């Protein structure tokens, strides 16, 4: 995402889910907790695709 007008406000986490951090085989319950959130409103943004990763040469 690209923008010339970054404006953020502090927010409050009401609920959070993550397929990575909610996996008990990777993170035991309670070891990964959100500590904050930033909210962007009314910001004009452009999405640009990332370039393809270079192939590894072994």
N, C-alpha and C. Protein backbone atom coordinates (compact mmCIF):
# COMPACT_ATOMS: atom_id res chain seq x y z
N UNK A 1 0.85 -1.16 0.00
CA UNK A 1 0.00 0.00 0.00
C UNK A 1 0.90 1.23 0.00
N UNK A 2 0.58 2.19 -0.82
CA UNK A 2 1.35 3.43 -0.90
C UNK A 2 0.41 4.61 -0.72
N UNK A 3 0.83 5.58 0.06
CA UNK A 3 0.04 6.79 0.27
C UNK A 3 0.99 7.94 0.59
N UNK A 4 0.53 9.14 0.30
CA UNK A 4 1.29 10.34 0.65
C UNK A 4 0.73 11.00 1.90
N UNK A 5 -0.26 10.39 2.52
CA UNK A 5 -0.96 11.02 3.65
C UNK A 5 -1.14 10.04 4.79
N UNK A 6 -0.07 9.65 5.43
CA UNK A 6 -0.19 8.72 6.56
C UNK A 6 -0.77 9.46 7.76
N UNK A 7 -1.93 9.00 8.19
CA UNK A 7 -2.54 9.53 9.41
C UNK A 7 -3.09 8.33 10.17
N UNK A 8 -2.69 8.20 11.40
CA UNK A 8 -3.16 7.08 12.21
C UNK A 8 -3.68 7.58 13.54
N UNK A 9 -4.57 6.80 14.12
CA UNK A 9 -5.10 7.08 15.46
C UNK A 9 -4.92 5.82 16.29
N UNK A 10 -4.78 6.00 17.57
CA UNK A 10 -4.72 4.84 18.47
C UNK A 10 -6.10 4.20 18.52
N UNK A 11 -6.12 2.90 18.61
CA UNK A 11 -7.38 2.17 18.71
C UNK A 11 -7.33 1.24 19.91
N UNK A 12 -8.37 0.48 20.08
CA UNK A 12 -8.45 -0.48 21.18
C UNK A 12 -8.75 -1.85 20.61
N UNK A 13 -7.99 -2.84 21.03
CA UNK A 13 -8.21 -4.21 20.57
C UNK A 13 -9.40 -4.78 21.31
N UNK A 14 -10.44 -5.14 20.57
CA UNK A 14 -11.61 -5.79 21.18
C UNK A 14 -11.50 -7.30 21.06
N UNK A 15 -10.99 -7.76 19.93
CA UNK A 15 -10.80 -9.19 19.70
C UNK A 15 -9.75 -9.34 18.61
N UNK A 16 -9.02 -10.42 18.65
CA UNK A 16 -8.01 -10.67 17.63
C UNK A 16 -7.91 -12.17 17.37
N UNK A 17 -7.70 -12.53 16.12
CA UNK A 17 -7.50 -13.92 15.74
C UNK A 17 -6.33 -13.99 14.77
N UNK A 18 -5.57 -15.06 14.86
CA UNK A 18 -4.42 -15.26 13.97
C UNK A 18 -4.21 -16.75 13.75
N UNK A 19 -4.16 -17.16 12.49
CA UNK A 19 -3.93 -18.58 12.22
C UNK A 19 -2.52 -18.99 12.65
N UNK A 20 -1.61 -18.05 12.73
CA UNK A 20 -0.24 -18.35 13.18
C UNK A 20 -0.15 -18.35 14.69
N UNK A 21 -0.52 -17.24 15.32
CA UNK A 21 -0.33 -17.10 16.76
C UNK A 21 -1.34 -17.87 17.59
N UNK A 22 -2.46 -18.27 16.99
CA UNK A 22 -3.45 -19.07 17.71
C UNK A 22 -3.17 -20.57 17.63
N UNK A 23 -2.09 -20.97 16.96
CA UNK A 23 -1.74 -22.39 16.84
C UNK A 23 -0.97 -22.83 18.09
N UNK A 24 -1.59 -23.65 18.97
CA UNK A 24 -0.95 -24.00 20.24
C UNK A 24 0.33 -24.81 20.09
N UNK A 25 0.54 -25.45 18.93
CA UNK A 25 1.80 -26.17 18.72
C UNK A 25 2.95 -25.21 18.44
N UNK A 26 2.64 -23.98 18.02
CA UNK A 26 3.67 -22.96 17.77
C UNK A 26 3.83 -22.02 18.96
N UNK A 27 2.71 -21.60 19.52
CA UNK A 27 2.70 -20.65 20.63
C UNK A 27 1.74 -21.15 21.70
N UNK A 28 2.23 -21.53 22.87
CA UNK A 28 1.32 -21.95 23.93
C UNK A 28 0.33 -20.82 24.26
N UNK A 29 -0.89 -21.17 24.65
CA UNK A 29 -1.90 -20.15 24.95
C UNK A 29 -1.38 -19.07 25.91
N UNK A 30 -1.64 -17.81 25.55
CA UNK A 30 -1.23 -16.69 26.38
C UNK A 30 0.15 -16.14 26.11
N UNK A 31 0.94 -16.78 25.23
CA UNK A 31 2.31 -16.29 24.99
C UNK A 31 2.38 -15.21 23.93
N UNK A 32 1.39 -15.10 23.07
CA UNK A 32 1.35 -14.05 22.05
C UNK A 32 0.08 -13.25 22.25
N UNK A 33 0.22 -12.01 22.67
CA UNK A 33 -0.96 -11.17 22.91
C UNK A 33 -0.78 -9.83 22.20
N UNK A 34 -1.85 -9.28 21.61
CA UNK A 34 -1.74 -7.97 20.96
C UNK A 34 -1.50 -6.90 22.01
N UNK A 35 -0.66 -5.92 21.65
CA UNK A 35 -0.36 -4.86 22.61
C UNK A 35 -0.84 -3.49 22.15
N UNK A 36 -1.39 -3.38 20.97
CA UNK A 36 -1.88 -2.10 20.51
C UNK A 36 -2.41 -2.20 19.09
N UNK A 37 -3.04 -1.13 18.63
CA UNK A 37 -3.60 -1.11 17.30
C UNK A 37 -3.56 0.32 16.77
N UNK A 38 -3.30 0.46 15.49
CA UNK A 38 -3.36 1.76 14.83
C UNK A 38 -4.47 1.70 13.79
N UNK A 39 -5.26 2.78 13.69
CA UNK A 39 -6.40 2.84 12.79
C UNK A 39 -6.14 3.94 11.77
N UNK A 40 -6.35 3.61 10.48
CA UNK A 40 -6.25 4.60 9.41
C UNK A 40 -7.65 4.83 8.86
N UNK A 41 -8.06 6.09 8.79
CA UNK A 41 -9.38 6.44 8.24
C UNK A 41 -9.21 7.52 7.19
N UNK A 42 -10.02 7.42 6.13
CA UNK A 42 -10.06 8.45 5.09
C UNK A 42 -8.69 8.77 4.52
N UNK A 43 -7.90 7.75 4.26
CA UNK A 43 -6.57 7.93 3.68
C UNK A 43 -6.60 7.34 2.28
N UNK A 44 -6.31 8.16 1.30
CA UNK A 44 -6.25 7.69 -0.07
C UNK A 44 -4.97 6.87 -0.24
N UNK A 45 -5.13 5.67 -0.74
CA UNK A 45 -3.97 4.77 -0.87
C UNK A 45 -4.04 4.02 -2.19
N UNK A 46 -2.86 3.60 -2.65
CA UNK A 46 -2.75 2.81 -3.87
C UNK A 46 -2.13 1.47 -3.49
N UNK A 47 -2.65 0.43 -4.06
CA UNK A 47 -2.05 -0.90 -3.87
C UNK A 47 -1.15 -1.19 -5.05
N UNK A 48 0.06 -1.63 -4.73
CA UNK A 48 1.00 -2.01 -5.77
C UNK A 48 1.46 -3.43 -5.51
N UNK A 49 1.47 -4.27 -6.52
CA UNK A 49 1.96 -5.63 -6.29
C UNK A 49 3.47 -5.62 -6.02
N UNK A 50 3.91 -6.52 -5.17
CA UNK A 50 5.33 -6.66 -4.92
C UNK A 50 5.98 -7.40 -6.08
N UNK A 51 7.24 -7.10 -6.38
CA UNK A 51 7.89 -7.86 -7.43
C UNK A 51 8.04 -9.32 -7.01
N UNK A 52 8.06 -10.21 -7.98
CA UNK A 52 8.24 -11.64 -7.69
C UNK A 52 9.62 -11.85 -7.07
N UNK A 53 9.71 -12.72 -6.08
CA UNK A 53 11.02 -12.98 -5.47
C UNK A 53 11.95 -13.66 -6.47
N UNK A 54 13.23 -13.35 -6.36
CA UNK A 54 14.21 -13.99 -7.23
C UNK A 54 14.36 -15.44 -6.85
N UNK A 55 14.55 -16.30 -7.81
CA UNK A 55 14.74 -17.72 -7.53
C UNK A 55 16.09 -17.94 -6.84
N UNK A 56 16.08 -18.80 -5.85
CA UNK A 56 17.34 -19.11 -5.13
C UNK A 56 18.25 -19.91 -6.06
N UNK A 57 19.51 -19.57 -6.03
CA UNK A 57 20.49 -20.32 -6.84
C UNK A 57 21.38 -21.11 -5.89
N UNK A 58 21.37 -22.42 -6.06
CA UNK A 58 22.19 -23.27 -5.17
C UNK A 58 23.38 -23.76 -5.87
